[in-house]
Amino acid sequence: MLILAFDTATRVATSALVRDGEVLGERVSQAVRVLEDVDDLLRLAGAEPCDLDALAVGTGPGSFTGVRIGVATARGLALALGVRLAGVSTLDALVAGAPGALPVIDARRSEVFVPTRPARPEELDVEGRLCVGDGALRYRDLLERAGAEIPPDDDERHLPRARFHAALAADFGPPEAVEPIYLRVPDAEQTAAP
């Protein structure tokens, strides 16, 4: 089974092409490059878009715009190619790359996304915990003072690697069934006057 996977929920986008569990290629870039990355991955693997059996996409939580870019792109590709799509939590992908770690995604507004909720970083119980993700990097000093272990900035465990999305994808279905994970109201809705 040839699976294309990508995640654009954080400030760093990742994409991967995986055949029967074997990673054929990976890219790390930005959300605006995801289609270029997809093209590069297919070309380097000697594959065509019509060779894809399924797609997997990161559904967040994360940047509202980034999540929307990823889900909309994945839905469009899946519809155009006539393949099934699976959504995978960006938090779950981070944990798959760092088993046992607490995934921490920067939620802006002095908050982070952790499993099940947004939180202020100082509210987290991180004593003796390994924390990964762009939120762990942004709040490194605060989290380390609270007893967390944070890998170096360039450690790949901070990235929601798309190879893990492909591995975790289980419920492939119609593209329109994949929904983004929003753990709070988008900034634009929150600031709109009634």
N, C-alpha and C. Protein backbone atom coordinates (compact mmCIF):
# COMPACT_ATOMS: atom_id res chain seq x y z
N MET A 1 0.85 -1.17 0.00
CA MET A 1 0.00 0.00 0.00
C MET A 1 0.90 1.24 0.00
N LEU A 2 0.67 2.14 -0.93
CA LEU A 2 1.45 3.37 -1.04
C LEU A 2 0.66 4.52 -0.42
N ILE A 3 1.20 5.08 0.67
CA ILE A 3 0.52 6.14 1.42
C ILE A 3 1.34 7.41 1.37
N LEU A 4 0.67 8.50 1.04
CA LEU A 4 1.25 9.84 1.14
C LEU A 4 0.69 10.45 2.41
N ALA A 5 1.58 10.99 3.26
CA ALA A 5 1.14 11.60 4.51
C ALA A 5 1.80 12.96 4.66
N PHE A 6 1.07 13.89 5.28
CA PHE A 6 1.66 15.19 5.60
C PHE A 6 0.92 15.84 6.75
N ASP A 7 1.63 16.78 7.39
CA ASP A 7 1.08 17.53 8.53
C ASP A 7 1.56 18.97 8.42
N THR A 8 0.63 19.91 8.48
CA THR A 8 0.96 21.33 8.39
C THR A 8 0.43 22.09 9.61
N ALA A 9 0.15 21.39 10.70
CA ALA A 9 -0.47 22.01 11.88
C ALA A 9 0.48 22.90 12.68
N THR A 10 1.77 22.65 12.58
CA THR A 10 2.73 23.44 13.35
C THR A 10 3.52 24.33 12.39
N ARG A 11 4.46 25.10 12.92
CA ARG A 11 5.21 26.02 12.05
C ARG A 11 6.12 25.29 11.07
N VAL A 12 6.33 24.00 11.29
CA VAL A 12 7.14 23.18 10.39
C VAL A 12 6.23 22.10 9.79
N ALA A 13 6.18 22.04 8.47
CA ALA A 13 5.37 21.02 7.80
C ALA A 13 6.25 19.80 7.51
N THR A 14 5.66 18.63 7.64
CA THR A 14 6.37 17.40 7.31
C THR A 14 5.54 16.60 6.32
N SER A 15 6.20 15.86 5.45
CA SER A 15 5.52 14.99 4.50
C SER A 15 6.35 13.73 4.31
N ALA A 16 5.68 12.65 3.96
CA ALA A 16 6.38 11.38 3.76
C ALA A 16 5.62 10.53 2.77
N LEU A 17 6.36 9.71 2.06
CA LEU A 17 5.80 8.71 1.16
C LEU A 17 6.22 7.36 1.72
N VAL A 18 5.22 6.50 2.00
CA VAL A 18 5.48 5.23 2.69
C VAL A 18 4.82 4.09 1.92
N ARG A 19 5.59 3.06 1.63
CA ARG A 19 5.04 1.87 0.96
C ARG A 19 5.17 0.68 1.90
N ASP A 20 4.04 0.11 2.29
CA ASP A 20 4.00 -1.07 3.16
C ASP A 20 4.90 -0.91 4.38
N GLY A 21 4.83 0.25 5.01
CA GLY A 21 5.60 0.52 6.22
C GLY A 21 7.01 1.02 6.00
N GLU A 22 7.50 0.97 4.77
CA GLU A 22 8.86 1.44 4.46
C GLU A 22 8.81 2.89 3.98
N VAL A 23 9.59 3.74 4.64
CA VAL A 23 9.62 5.15 4.27
C VAL A 23 10.46 5.30 3.00
N LEU A 24 9.82 5.77 1.92
CA LEU A 24 10.50 5.96 0.65
C LEU A 24 11.14 7.35 0.57
N GLY A 25 10.60 8.29 1.31
CA GLY A 25 11.14 9.64 1.31
C GLY A 25 10.40 10.52 2.30
N GLU A 26 11.09 11.56 2.77
CA GLU A 26 10.49 12.50 3.72
C GLU A 26 10.93 13.91 3.39
N ARG A 27 10.13 14.87 3.77
CA ARG A 27 10.45 16.28 3.61
C ARG A 27 10.04 17.03 4.87
N VAL A 28 10.82 18.05 5.20
CA VAL A 28 10.49 18.98 6.27
C VAL A 28 10.58 20.37 5.65
N SER A 29 9.49 21.13 5.70
CA SER A 29 9.49 22.46 5.09
C SER A 29 8.46 23.34 5.78
N GLN A 30 7.64 24.02 4.99
CA GLN A 30 6.57 24.87 5.49
C GLN A 30 5.28 24.51 4.77
N ALA A 31 4.16 24.87 5.37
CA ALA A 31 2.85 24.51 4.83
C ALA A 31 2.69 24.96 3.37
N VAL A 32 3.21 26.11 3.02
CA VAL A 32 3.04 26.62 1.65
C VAL A 32 3.77 25.77 0.61
N ARG A 33 4.69 24.91 1.06
CA ARG A 33 5.45 24.06 0.14
C ARG A 33 4.95 22.62 0.08
N VAL A 34 3.87 22.31 0.77
CA VAL A 34 3.49 20.91 0.90
C VAL A 34 3.23 20.25 -0.46
N LEU A 35 2.61 20.94 -1.39
CA LEU A 35 2.38 20.32 -2.70
C LEU A 35 3.67 20.13 -3.49
N GLU A 36 4.61 21.06 -3.35
CA GLU A 36 5.93 20.87 -3.98
C GLU A 36 6.64 19.67 -3.37
N ASP A 37 6.53 19.54 -2.05
CA ASP A 37 7.15 18.40 -1.37
C ASP A 37 6.54 17.08 -1.84
N VAL A 38 5.21 17.06 -1.99
CA VAL A 38 4.53 15.87 -2.48
C VAL A 38 5.04 15.50 -3.87
N ASP A 39 5.12 16.48 -4.73
CA ASP A 39 5.62 16.25 -6.08
C ASP A 39 7.04 15.68 -6.05
N ASP A 40 7.91 16.28 -5.23
CA ASP A 40 9.29 15.80 -5.10
C ASP A 40 9.34 14.35 -4.60
N LEU A 41 8.55 14.04 -3.59
CA LEU A 41 8.55 12.68 -3.03
C LEU A 41 8.11 11.65 -4.07
N LEU A 42 7.06 11.96 -4.80
CA LEU A 42 6.59 11.04 -5.83
C LEU A 42 7.63 10.86 -6.94
N ARG A 43 8.20 11.96 -7.39
CA ARG A 43 9.19 11.91 -8.47
C ARG A 43 10.40 11.08 -8.05
N LEU A 44 10.92 11.32 -6.85
CA LEU A 44 12.11 10.60 -6.38
C LEU A 44 11.84 9.11 -6.18
N ALA A 45 10.59 8.76 -5.90
CA ALA A 45 10.23 7.35 -5.72
C ALA A 45 9.85 6.69 -7.04
N GLY A 46 9.83 7.48 -8.13
CA GLY A 46 9.44 6.94 -9.42
C GLY A 46 7.96 6.61 -9.48
N ALA A 47 7.17 7.34 -8.72
CA ALA A 47 5.73 7.08 -8.66
C ALA A 47 4.95 8.26 -9.24
N GLU A 48 3.73 7.99 -9.58
CA GLU A 48 2.81 8.99 -10.09
C GLU A 48 1.69 9.17 -9.06
N PRO A 49 1.00 10.29 -9.08
CA PRO A 49 -0.12 10.46 -8.15
C PRO A 49 -1.15 9.34 -8.24
N CYS A 50 -1.38 8.81 -9.43
CA CYS A 50 -2.35 7.73 -9.60
C CYS A 50 -1.90 6.42 -8.95
N ASP A 51 -0.63 6.32 -8.54
CA ASP A 51 -0.12 5.12 -7.87
C ASP A 51 -0.49 5.10 -6.39
N LEU A 52 -0.91 6.24 -5.84
CA LEU A 52 -1.24 6.32 -4.41
C LEU A 52 -2.47 5.49 -4.09
N ASP A 53 -2.39 4.78 -2.97
CA ASP A 53 -3.53 4.00 -2.49
C ASP A 53 -4.34 4.75 -1.45
N ALA A 54 -3.69 5.64 -0.71
CA ALA A 54 -4.38 6.37 0.36
C ALA A 54 -3.55 7.57 0.78
N LEU A 55 -4.20 8.47 1.51
CA LEU A 55 -3.55 9.65 2.08
C LEU A 55 -3.81 9.67 3.58
N ALA A 56 -2.86 10.25 4.32
CA ALA A 56 -3.04 10.50 5.75
C ALA A 56 -2.64 11.94 6.01
N VAL A 57 -3.39 12.63 6.85
CA VAL A 57 -3.12 14.04 7.11
C VAL A 57 -3.19 14.32 8.61
N GLY A 58 -2.32 15.22 9.05
CA GLY A 58 -2.37 15.69 10.43
C GLY A 58 -3.58 16.60 10.60
N THR A 59 -4.37 16.33 11.61
CA THR A 59 -5.61 17.08 11.83
C THR A 59 -5.51 18.08 12.98
N GLY A 60 -4.30 18.27 13.51
CA GLY A 60 -4.12 19.21 14.60
C GLY A 60 -4.23 18.51 15.93
N PRO A 61 -4.32 19.28 16.97
CA PRO A 61 -4.47 20.73 17.01
C PRO A 61 -3.18 21.43 16.62
N GLY A 62 -3.31 22.72 16.38
CA GLY A 62 -2.17 23.53 16.01
C GLY A 62 -2.64 24.87 15.50
N SER A 63 -1.86 25.45 14.62
CA SER A 63 -2.23 26.72 14.01
C SER A 63 -3.52 26.53 13.22
N PHE A 64 -4.51 27.39 13.45
CA PHE A 64 -5.77 27.27 12.74
C PHE A 64 -5.54 27.25 11.23
N THR A 65 -4.75 28.20 10.74
CA THR A 65 -4.48 28.28 9.31
C THR A 65 -3.73 27.05 8.82
N GLY A 66 -2.73 26.62 9.56
CA GLY A 66 -1.96 25.44 9.18
C GLY A 66 -2.81 24.19 9.11
N VAL A 67 -3.66 23.99 10.10
CA VAL A 67 -4.54 22.82 10.11
C VAL A 67 -5.48 22.87 8.91
N ARG A 68 -6.06 24.05 8.63
CA ARG A 68 -6.98 24.19 7.50
C ARG A 68 -6.27 23.91 6.18
N ILE A 69 -5.05 24.42 6.04
CA ILE A 69 -4.28 24.17 4.81
C ILE A 69 -4.09 22.66 4.61
N GLY A 70 -3.65 21.98 5.64
CA GLY A 70 -3.40 20.54 5.53
C GLY A 70 -4.64 19.74 5.23
N VAL A 71 -5.71 19.97 5.98
CA VAL A 71 -6.94 19.19 5.79
C VAL A 71 -7.56 19.50 4.42
N ALA A 72 -7.62 20.77 4.04
CA ALA A 72 -8.20 21.12 2.74
C ALA A 72 -7.37 20.54 1.59
N THR A 73 -6.06 20.61 1.70
CA THR A 73 -5.19 20.06 0.65
C THR A 73 -5.38 18.55 0.55
N ALA A 74 -5.41 17.88 1.70
CA ALA A 74 -5.57 16.43 1.70
C ALA A 74 -6.94 16.02 1.14
N ARG A 75 -7.98 16.74 1.53
CA ARG A 75 -9.31 16.42 1.00
C ARG A 75 -9.33 16.60 -0.52
N GLY A 76 -8.79 17.72 -0.98
CA GLY A 76 -8.76 17.99 -2.43
C GLY A 76 -8.00 16.92 -3.19
N LEU A 77 -6.81 16.56 -2.69
CA LEU A 77 -6.02 15.52 -3.36
C LEU A 77 -6.75 14.18 -3.37
N ALA A 78 -7.31 13.81 -2.22
CA ALA A 78 -8.00 12.53 -2.13
C ALA A 78 -9.19 12.48 -3.08
N LEU A 79 -9.95 13.56 -3.15
CA LEU A 79 -11.09 13.61 -4.07
C LEU A 79 -10.63 13.52 -5.52
N ALA A 80 -9.61 14.30 -5.86
CA ALA A 80 -9.10 14.32 -7.24
C ALA A 80 -8.55 12.97 -7.66
N LEU A 81 -7.89 12.26 -6.73
CA LEU A 81 -7.25 10.99 -7.05
C LEU A 81 -8.17 9.79 -6.83
N GLY A 82 -9.32 10.02 -6.18
CA GLY A 82 -10.24 8.93 -5.89
C GLY A 82 -9.70 7.94 -4.88
N VAL A 83 -8.95 8.46 -3.87
CA VAL A 83 -8.41 7.58 -2.82
C VAL A 83 -9.01 7.94 -1.47
N ARG A 84 -8.84 7.04 -0.54
CA ARG A 84 -9.36 7.23 0.81
C ARG A 84 -8.38 8.08 1.61
N LEU A 85 -8.92 8.70 2.66
CA LEU A 85 -8.14 9.62 3.50
C LEU A 85 -8.33 9.27 4.96
N ALA A 86 -7.26 9.38 5.74
CA ALA A 86 -7.35 9.19 7.19
C ALA A 86 -6.76 10.41 7.88
N GLY A 87 -7.40 10.85 8.93
CA GLY A 87 -6.88 11.94 9.75
C GLY A 87 -6.17 11.37 10.96
N VAL A 88 -5.06 12.00 11.32
CA VAL A 88 -4.27 11.56 12.47
C VAL A 88 -3.94 12.78 13.32
N SER A 89 -4.16 12.69 14.60
CA SER A 89 -3.85 13.79 15.52
C SER A 89 -2.36 14.12 15.47
N THR A 90 -2.07 15.40 15.38
CA THR A 90 -0.68 15.86 15.41
C THR A 90 -0.03 15.50 16.74
N LEU A 91 -0.79 15.56 17.82
CA LEU A 91 -0.27 15.17 19.14
C LEU A 91 0.10 13.68 19.15
N ASP A 92 -0.74 12.84 18.55
CA ASP A 92 -0.44 11.40 18.50
C ASP A 92 0.83 11.12 17.69
N ALA A 93 1.01 11.87 16.60
CA ALA A 93 2.21 11.68 15.78
C ALA A 93 3.47 12.06 16.57
N LEU A 94 3.38 13.13 17.36
CA LEU A 94 4.52 13.51 18.20
C LEU A 94 4.87 12.41 19.20
N VAL A 95 3.84 11.82 19.83
CA VAL A 95 4.07 10.75 20.79
C VAL A 95 4.66 9.52 20.11
N ALA A 96 4.22 9.23 18.89
CA ALA A 96 4.77 8.08 18.16
C ALA A 96 6.26 8.25 17.91
N GLY A 97 6.71 9.49 17.74
CA GLY A 97 8.13 9.76 17.53
C GLY A 97 8.94 9.85 18.81
N ALA A 98 8.24 9.93 19.94
CA ALA A 98 8.89 10.02 21.25
C ALA A 98 8.01 9.31 22.28
N PRO A 99 7.97 7.97 22.22
CA PRO A 99 7.08 7.21 23.10
C PRO A 99 7.25 7.61 24.57
N GLY A 100 6.12 7.82 25.23
CA GLY A 100 6.12 8.19 26.64
C GLY A 100 6.24 9.67 26.90
N ALA A 101 6.53 10.45 25.86
CA ALA A 101 6.70 11.90 26.04
C ALA A 101 5.35 12.60 26.13
N LEU A 102 5.37 13.79 26.68
CA LEU A 102 4.20 14.67 26.68
C LEU A 102 4.33 15.57 25.46
N PRO A 103 3.41 15.46 24.48
CA PRO A 103 3.48 16.35 23.31
C PRO A 103 2.94 17.73 23.69
N VAL A 104 3.69 18.76 23.31
CA VAL A 104 3.33 20.13 23.65
C VAL A 104 3.43 20.97 22.38
N ILE A 105 2.29 21.44 21.88
CA ILE A 105 2.24 22.24 20.66
C ILE A 105 1.95 23.69 21.03
N ASP A 106 2.69 24.60 20.42
CA ASP A 106 2.48 26.03 20.67
C ASP A 106 1.09 26.42 20.17
N ALA A 107 0.27 26.96 21.08
CA ALA A 107 -1.10 27.37 20.74
C ALA A 107 -1.21 28.89 20.63
N ARG A 108 -0.07 29.57 20.77
CA ARG A 108 -0.04 31.04 20.79
C ARG A 108 -0.86 31.54 21.99
N ARG A 109 -1.03 32.84 22.09
CA ARG A 109 -1.76 33.45 23.21
C ARG A 109 -1.27 32.94 24.57
N SER A 110 0.04 32.65 24.68
CA SER A 110 0.64 32.17 25.93
C SER A 110 0.05 30.84 26.39
N GLU A 111 -0.37 30.02 25.43
CA GLU A 111 -0.92 28.70 25.74
C GLU A 111 -0.24 27.63 24.89
N VAL A 112 -0.45 26.39 25.30
CA VAL A 112 0.02 25.24 24.53
C VAL A 112 -1.14 24.25 24.40
N PHE A 113 -1.06 23.41 23.37
CA PHE A 113 -1.99 22.30 23.24
C PHE A 113 -1.30 21.05 23.77
N VAL A 114 -1.96 20.36 24.67
CA VAL A 114 -1.53 19.06 25.16
C VAL A 114 -2.74 18.14 24.97
N PRO A 115 -2.58 16.84 25.13
CA PRO A 115 -3.74 15.97 24.90
C PRO A 115 -4.98 16.43 25.67
N THR A 116 -6.03 16.57 24.96
CA THR A 116 -7.39 16.92 25.41
C THR A 116 -7.68 18.39 25.65
N ARG A 117 -6.64 19.28 25.70
CA ARG A 117 -6.99 20.65 26.04
C ARG A 117 -5.88 21.64 25.76
N PRO A 118 -6.26 22.93 25.65
CA PRO A 118 -5.24 23.97 25.68
C PRO A 118 -4.94 24.28 27.15
N ALA A 119 -3.72 24.71 27.43
CA ALA A 119 -3.34 25.04 28.81
C ALA A 119 -2.26 26.11 28.80
N ARG A 120 -2.12 26.77 29.90
CA ARG A 120 -0.99 27.67 30.08
C ARG A 120 0.20 26.79 30.46
N PRO A 121 1.37 27.04 29.90
CA PRO A 121 2.51 26.15 30.16
C PRO A 121 2.83 26.00 31.65
N GLU A 122 2.64 27.05 32.42
CA GLU A 122 2.95 26.97 33.85
C GLU A 122 1.97 26.09 34.62
N GLU A 123 0.84 25.73 34.03
CA GLU A 123 -0.14 24.86 34.68
C GLU A 123 0.18 23.38 34.51
N LEU A 124 1.09 23.05 33.62
CA LEU A 124 1.38 21.64 33.32
C LEU A 124 2.20 20.99 34.41
N ASP A 125 1.85 19.75 34.74
CA ASP A 125 2.65 18.94 35.67
C ASP A 125 3.66 18.17 34.83
N VAL A 126 4.87 18.68 34.75
CA VAL A 126 5.88 18.09 33.87
C VAL A 126 7.08 17.54 34.63
N GLU A 127 7.01 17.51 35.94
CA GLU A 127 8.12 17.01 36.76
C GLU A 127 8.53 15.63 36.28
N GLY A 128 9.80 15.49 35.85
CA GLY A 128 10.34 14.22 35.41
C GLY A 128 9.84 13.74 34.05
N ARG A 129 9.12 14.59 33.31
CA ARG A 129 8.56 14.19 32.01
C ARG A 129 9.41 14.69 30.87
N LEU A 130 9.48 13.89 29.81
CA LEU A 130 10.08 14.31 28.55
C LEU A 130 8.99 15.06 27.79
N CYS A 131 9.27 16.29 27.37
CA CYS A 131 8.31 17.09 26.61
C CYS A 131 8.88 17.36 25.23
N VAL A 132 8.04 17.16 24.19
CA VAL A 132 8.47 17.38 22.81
C VAL A 132 7.45 18.23 22.08
N GLY A 133 7.90 18.87 21.01
CA GLY A 133 7.02 19.68 20.19
C GLY A 133 7.43 21.14 20.20
N ASP A 134 6.86 21.93 19.30
CA ASP A 134 7.26 23.33 19.22
C ASP A 134 6.86 24.13 20.46
N GLY A 135 5.84 23.69 21.18
CA GLY A 135 5.47 24.33 22.45
C GLY A 135 6.53 24.08 23.52
N ALA A 136 7.09 22.88 23.52
CA ALA A 136 8.16 22.57 24.48
C ALA A 136 9.38 23.43 24.19
N LEU A 137 9.66 23.68 22.91
CA LEU A 137 10.79 24.54 22.55
C LEU A 137 10.52 25.99 22.95
N ARG A 138 9.33 26.48 22.65
CA ARG A 138 9.02 27.88 22.95
C ARG A 138 9.06 28.15 24.45
N TYR A 139 8.60 27.20 25.25
CA TYR A 139 8.54 27.40 26.71
C TYR A 139 9.58 26.55 27.43
N ARG A 140 10.70 26.29 26.75
CA ARG A 140 11.76 25.46 27.32
C ARG A 140 12.15 25.89 28.73
N ASP A 141 12.50 27.16 28.92
CA ASP A 141 12.98 27.62 30.24
C ASP A 141 11.95 27.35 31.33
N LEU A 142 10.72 27.72 31.08
CA LEU A 142 9.65 27.53 32.06
C LEU A 142 9.45 26.05 32.38
N LEU A 143 9.38 25.22 31.35
CA LEU A 143 9.14 23.79 31.54
C LEU A 143 10.33 23.10 32.23
N GLU A 144 11.54 23.49 31.85
CA GLU A 144 12.72 22.89 32.52
C GLU A 144 12.78 23.30 33.98
N ARG A 145 12.42 24.52 34.29
CA ARG A 145 12.38 24.94 35.71
C ARG A 145 11.36 24.13 36.50
N ALA A 146 10.31 23.66 35.82
CA ALA A 146 9.28 22.85 36.46
C ALA A 146 9.67 21.36 36.49
N GLY A 147 10.86 21.02 36.00
CA GLY A 147 11.35 19.65 36.09
C GLY A 147 11.24 18.82 34.83
N ALA A 148 10.87 19.44 33.71
CA ALA A 148 10.75 18.70 32.44
C ALA A 148 12.11 18.50 31.80
N GLU A 149 12.19 17.46 30.99
CA GLU A 149 13.37 17.25 30.13
C GLU A 149 12.94 17.62 28.72
N ILE A 150 13.69 18.53 28.10
CA ILE A 150 13.40 18.97 26.73
C ILE A 150 14.63 18.63 25.87
N PRO A 151 14.44 17.83 24.81
CA PRO A 151 15.57 17.53 23.92
C PRO A 151 16.10 18.80 23.25
N PRO A 152 17.31 18.75 22.69
CA PRO A 152 17.87 19.92 21.99
C PRO A 152 16.92 20.40 20.88
N ASP A 153 17.03 21.67 20.53
CA ASP A 153 16.15 22.28 19.53
C ASP A 153 16.12 21.53 18.21
N ASP A 154 17.25 20.98 17.78
CA ASP A 154 17.30 20.33 16.48
C ASP A 154 16.95 18.83 16.53
N ASP A 155 16.48 18.35 17.67
CA ASP A 155 16.10 16.95 17.82
C ASP A 155 14.82 16.68 17.03
N GLU A 156 14.81 15.65 16.19
CA GLU A 156 13.66 15.39 15.33
C GLU A 156 12.41 14.99 16.11
N ARG A 157 12.54 14.66 17.39
CA ARG A 157 11.36 14.32 18.19
C ARG A 157 10.42 15.51 18.37
N HIS A 158 10.90 16.72 18.07
CA HIS A 158 10.04 17.89 18.18
C HIS A 158 9.12 18.05 16.97
N LEU A 159 9.33 17.26 15.93
CA LEU A 159 8.54 17.37 14.71
C LEU A 159 7.47 16.29 14.64
N PRO A 160 6.26 16.65 14.22
CA PRO A 160 5.24 15.63 13.98
C PRO A 160 5.53 14.96 12.63
N ARG A 161 6.49 14.04 12.62
CA ARG A 161 6.96 13.43 11.38
C ARG A 161 5.83 12.68 10.68
N ALA A 162 5.67 12.96 9.39
CA ALA A 162 4.57 12.38 8.61
C ALA A 162 4.67 10.86 8.50
N ARG A 163 5.87 10.30 8.65
CA ARG A 163 5.98 8.83 8.61
C ARG A 163 5.13 8.21 9.71
N PHE A 164 4.99 8.92 10.85
CA PHE A 164 4.17 8.40 11.95
C PHE A 164 2.69 8.54 11.64
N HIS A 165 2.33 9.55 10.89
CA HIS A 165 0.93 9.67 10.46
C HIS A 165 0.55 8.46 9.60
N ALA A 166 1.45 8.09 8.68
CA ALA A 166 1.19 6.94 7.83
C ALA A 166 1.06 5.67 8.67
N ALA A 167 1.93 5.52 9.67
CA ALA A 167 1.89 4.33 10.51
C ALA A 167 0.65 4.29 11.40
N LEU A 168 0.19 5.45 11.88
CA LEU A 168 -0.95 5.51 12.78
C LEU A 168 -2.30 5.50 12.05
N ALA A 169 -2.29 5.84 10.78
CA ALA A 169 -3.54 5.93 10.02
C ALA A 169 -4.23 4.57 9.99
N ALA A 170 -5.48 4.57 10.42
CA ALA A 170 -6.21 3.30 10.48
C ALA A 170 -7.58 3.41 9.82
N ASP A 171 -8.26 4.49 10.03
CA ASP A 171 -9.62 4.64 9.55
C ASP A 171 -9.66 5.41 8.24
N PHE A 172 -9.24 4.77 7.18
CA PHE A 172 -9.29 5.41 5.87
C PHE A 172 -10.74 5.43 5.41
N GLY A 173 -11.18 6.59 4.95
CA GLY A 173 -12.56 6.71 4.52
C GLY A 173 -12.70 7.83 3.53
N PRO A 174 -13.93 8.29 3.34
CA PRO A 174 -14.16 9.37 2.38
C PRO A 174 -13.49 10.66 2.87
N PRO A 175 -12.94 11.44 1.96
CA PRO A 175 -12.22 12.66 2.35
C PRO A 175 -13.05 13.62 3.20
N GLU A 176 -14.34 13.75 2.90
CA GLU A 176 -15.16 14.70 3.65
C GLU A 176 -15.40 14.28 5.10
N ALA A 177 -15.06 13.05 5.45
CA ALA A 177 -15.23 12.58 6.83
C ALA A 177 -14.10 13.03 7.74
N VAL A 178 -12.98 13.46 7.18
CA VAL A 178 -11.84 13.89 7.99
C VAL A 178 -12.07 15.33 8.45
N GLU A 179 -12.05 15.51 9.76
CA GLU A 179 -12.30 16.81 10.36
C GLU A 179 -11.07 17.29 11.13
N PRO A 180 -10.83 18.60 11.11
CA PRO A 180 -9.73 19.14 11.90
C PRO A 180 -10.04 19.07 13.39
N ILE A 181 -9.00 19.03 14.20
CA ILE A 181 -9.15 19.05 15.66
C ILE A 181 -8.86 20.47 16.12
N TYR A 182 -9.89 21.12 16.60
CA TYR A 182 -9.74 22.46 17.19
C TYR A 182 -10.05 22.34 18.67
N LEU A 183 -9.12 22.74 19.50
CA LEU A 183 -9.36 22.67 20.93
C LEU A 183 -9.82 24.00 21.52
N ARG A 184 -9.93 25.01 20.65
CA ARG A 184 -10.49 26.30 21.07
C ARG A 184 -10.99 27.05 19.84
N VAL A 185 -11.73 28.11 20.08
CA VAL A 185 -12.30 28.92 19.00
C VAL A 185 -11.17 29.68 18.30
N PRO A 186 -11.19 29.74 16.94
CA PRO A 186 -10.16 30.50 16.22
C PRO A 186 -10.13 31.96 16.64
N ASP A 187 -8.95 32.59 16.55
CA ASP A 187 -8.78 33.99 16.93
C ASP A 187 -9.79 34.90 16.24
N ALA A 188 -10.04 34.68 14.96
CA ALA A 188 -10.95 35.56 14.20
C ALA A 188 -12.37 35.51 14.78
N GLU A 189 -12.84 34.34 15.19
CA GLU A 189 -14.18 34.24 15.77
C GLU A 189 -14.22 34.84 17.16
N GLN A 190 -13.14 34.71 17.90
CA GLN A 190 -13.10 35.19 19.28
C GLN A 190 -13.10 36.72 19.31
N THR A 191 -12.48 37.37 18.32
CA THR A 191 -12.40 38.83 18.34
C THR A 191 -13.52 39.51 17.56
N ALA A 192 -14.34 38.74 16.85
CA ALA A 192 -15.44 39.33 16.06
C ALA A 192 -16.50 39.90 17.01
N ALA A 193 -16.96 41.08 16.67
CA ALA A 193 -18.00 41.72 17.49
C ALA A 193 -19.35 41.12 17.15
N PRO A 194 -20.23 40.93 18.16
CA PRO A 194 -21.55 40.37 17.90
C PRO A 194 -22.45 41.36 17.17
